[in-house]
Amino acid sequence: MENDGEDSIAVGAEEARRAAVLPPLVQAFLKGTGSLEGGVNDAVWELGVSRATVWRWIKLLAEKDGRNRPVTPNHRKRCLNSTGLSA
């Protein structure tokens, strides 16, 4: 189980990246100041996720009153043969 340490380091690094990029967007969203499109586009590029994901995170953090709460990466593992659908 040597990967546990590496996985936790990777998760911590990803949380740090999100914590650096998202708070200014959340604050702008809460204040309703100007357009967020440029910042969202930058976040999409920086974090490597979709626009929908960035907006979902912004709204999630805004619900917490903009407190600097990290958005933790979700690493769900699925069996290769599993489709998530039941027969």
C-alpha atoms as a PDB file:
ATOM      1  CA  MET A   1       0.000   0.000   0.000  1.00  0.00           C
ATOM      2  CA  GLU A   2       2.773   2.414  -0.866  1.00  0.00           C
ATOM      3  CA  ASN A   3       0.415   4.435  -3.052  1.00  0.00           C
ATOM      4  CA  ASP A   4      -1.575   5.717  -0.055  1.00  0.00           C
ATOM      5  CA  GLY A   5       1.076   8.329   0.719  1.00  0.00           C
ATOM      6  CA  GLU A   6       1.412   9.333  -2.901  1.00  0.00           C
ATOM      7  CA  ASP A   7      -2.366   9.571  -3.295  1.00  0.00           C
ATOM      8  CA  SER A   8      -2.709  11.804  -0.241  1.00  0.00           C
ATOM      9  CA  ILE A   9       0.078  14.061  -1.527  1.00  0.00           C
ATOM     10  CA  ALA A  10      -1.646  14.315  -4.908  1.00  0.00           C
ATOM     11  CA  VAL A  11      -4.989  15.105  -3.260  1.00  0.00           C
ATOM     12  CA  GLY A  12      -3.333  17.738  -1.077  1.00  0.00           C
ATOM     13  CA  ALA A  13      -1.660  19.338  -4.086  1.00  0.00           C
ATOM     14  CA  GLU A  14      -4.948  19.402  -5.993  1.00  0.00           C
ATOM     15  CA  GLU A  15      -6.740  20.972  -3.008  1.00  0.00           C
ATOM     16  CA  ALA A  16      -4.020  23.632  -2.845  1.00  0.00           C
ATOM     17  CA  ARG A  17      -4.415  24.440  -6.545  1.00  0.00           C
ATOM     18  CA  ARG A  18      -8.169  24.794  -6.154  1.00  0.00           C
ATOM     19  CA  ALA A  19      -7.755  26.875  -3.002  1.00  0.00           C
ATOM     20  CA  ALA A  20      -5.508  29.269  -4.926  1.00  0.00           C
ATOM     21  CA  VAL A  21      -7.810  29.640  -7.948  1.00  0.00           C
ATOM     22  CA  LEU A  22     -11.388  29.535  -6.635  1.00  0.00           C
ATOM     23  CA  PRO A  23     -11.666  32.017  -3.705  1.00  0.00           C
ATOM     24  CA  PRO A  24     -11.379  35.188  -5.821  1.00  0.00           C
ATOM     25  CA  LEU A  25     -14.092  33.840  -8.116  1.00  0.00           C
ATOM     26  CA  VAL A  26     -16.329  33.000  -5.166  1.00  0.00           C
ATOM     27  CA  GLN A  27     -15.880  36.479  -3.694  1.00  0.00           C
ATOM     28  CA  ALA A  28     -16.709  38.116  -7.025  1.00  0.00           C
ATOM     29  CA  PHE A  29     -19.762  35.848  -7.337  1.00  0.00           C
ATOM     30  CA  LEU A  30     -20.955  36.767  -3.830  1.00  0.00           C
ATOM     31  CA  LYS A  31     -20.431  40.495  -4.418  1.00  0.00           C
ATOM     32  CA  GLY A  32     -22.010  40.354  -7.874  1.00  0.00           C
ATOM     33  CA  THR A  33     -19.221  42.475  -9.288  1.00  0.00           C
ATOM     34  CA  GLY A  34     -18.667  42.350 -13.020  1.00  0.00           C
ATOM     35  CA  SER A  35     -18.428  39.374 -15.285  1.00  0.00           C
ATOM     36  CA  LEU A  36     -16.787  36.203 -14.057  1.00  0.00           C
ATOM     37  CA  GLU A  37     -16.356  34.711 -17.518  1.00  0.00           C
ATOM     38  CA  GLY A  38     -12.661  35.572 -17.843  1.00  0.00           C
ATOM     39  CA  GLY A  39     -11.889  34.186 -14.401  1.00  0.00           C
ATOM     40  CA  VAL A  40     -13.924  31.048 -15.036  1.00  0.00           C
ATOM     41  CA  ASN A  41     -12.124  30.501 -18.347  1.00  0.00           C
ATOM     42  CA  ASP A  42      -8.769  30.875 -16.578  1.00  0.00           C
ATOM     43  CA  ALA A  43      -9.867  28.417 -13.875  1.00  0.00           C
ATOM     44  CA  VAL A  44     -10.946  25.895 -16.523  1.00  0.00           C
ATOM     45  CA  TRP A  45      -7.504  26.078 -18.093  1.00  0.00           C
ATOM     46  CA  GLU A  46      -5.614  26.088 -14.777  1.00  0.00           C
ATOM     47  CA  LEU A  47      -7.538  23.242 -13.131  1.00  0.00           C
ATOM     48  CA  GLY A  48      -8.184  21.141 -16.225  1.00  0.00           C
ATOM     49  CA  VAL A  49     -11.904  20.728 -15.619  1.00  0.00           C
ATOM     50  CA  SER A  50     -15.064  21.774 -17.444  1.00  0.00           C
ATOM     51  CA  ARG A  51     -16.792  25.151 -17.133  1.00  0.00           C
ATOM     52  CA  ALA A  52     -19.739  23.387 -15.508  1.00  0.00           C
ATOM     53  CA  THR A  53     -17.446  21.953 -12.844  1.00  0.00           C
ATOM     54  CA  VAL A  54     -15.892  25.337 -12.081  1.00  0.00           C
ATOM     55  CA  TRP A  55     -19.351  26.921 -11.751  1.00  0.00           C
ATOM     56  CA  ARG A  56     -20.513  24.043  -9.551  1.00  0.00           C
ATOM     57  CA  TRP A  57     -17.523  24.590  -7.235  1.00  0.00           C
ATOM     58  CA  ILE A  58     -18.097  28.360  -7.147  1.00  0.00           C
ATOM     59  CA  LYS A  59     -21.729  27.869  -6.154  1.00  0.00           C
ATOM     60  CA  LEU A  60     -20.823  25.173  -3.624  1.00  0.00           C
ATOM     61  CA  LEU A  61     -18.303  27.455  -1.931  1.00  0.00           C
ATOM     62  CA  ALA A  62     -20.674  30.439  -2.131  1.00  0.00           C
ATOM     63  CA  GLU A  63     -23.259  28.413  -0.208  1.00  0.00           C
ATOM     64  CA  LYS A  64     -20.674  28.197   2.572  1.00  0.00           C
ATOM     65  CA  ASP A  65     -20.576  32.039   2.627  1.00  0.00           C
ATOM     66  CA  GLY A  66     -17.303  32.093   0.741  1.00  0.00           C
ATOM     67  CA  ARG A  67     -15.347  30.503   3.545  1.00  0.00           C
ATOM     68  CA  ASN A  68     -12.080  29.146   2.252  1.00  0.00           C
ATOM     69  CA  ARG A  69     -13.140  25.522   2.345  1.00  0.00           C
ATOM     70  CA  PRO A  70     -11.199  23.318  -0.053  1.00  0.00           C
ATOM     71  CA  VAL A  71     -13.018  21.450  -2.747  1.00  0.00           C
ATOM     72  CA  THR A  72     -11.638  17.968  -2.257  1.00  0.00           C
ATOM     73  CA  PRO A  73     -10.941  15.828  -5.292  1.00  0.00           C
ATOM     74  CA  ASN A  74     -13.330  12.924  -5.599  1.00  0.00           C
ATOM     75  CA  HIS A  75     -11.428   9.783  -6.481  1.00  0.00           C
ATOM     76  CA  ARG A  76     -14.081   7.120  -6.816  1.00  0.00           C
ATOM     77  CA  LYS A  77     -12.789   3.875  -8.164  1.00  0.00           C
ATOM     78  CA  ARG A  78     -15.021   1.694 -10.252  1.00  0.00           C
ATOM     79  CA  CYS A  79     -14.625  -1.807 -11.504  1.00  0.00           C
ATOM     80  CA  LEU A  80     -13.711  -1.796 -15.192  1.00  0.00           C
ATOM     81  CA  ASN A  81     -16.723  -3.987 -16.010  1.00  0.00           C
ATOM     82  CA  SER A  82     -19.162  -1.858 -14.053  1.00  0.00           C
ATOM     83  CA  THR A  83     -21.351   0.619 -15.903  1.00  0.00           C
ATOM     84  CA  GLY A  84     -23.192   1.839 -12.847  1.00  0.00           C
ATOM     85  CA  LEU A  85     -26.440   0.519 -14.304  1.00  0.00           C
ATOM     86  CA  SER A  86     -28.409  -2.381 -12.933  1.00  0.00           C
ATOM     87  CA  ALA A  87     -29.950  -4.967 -15.204  1.00  0.00           C
END
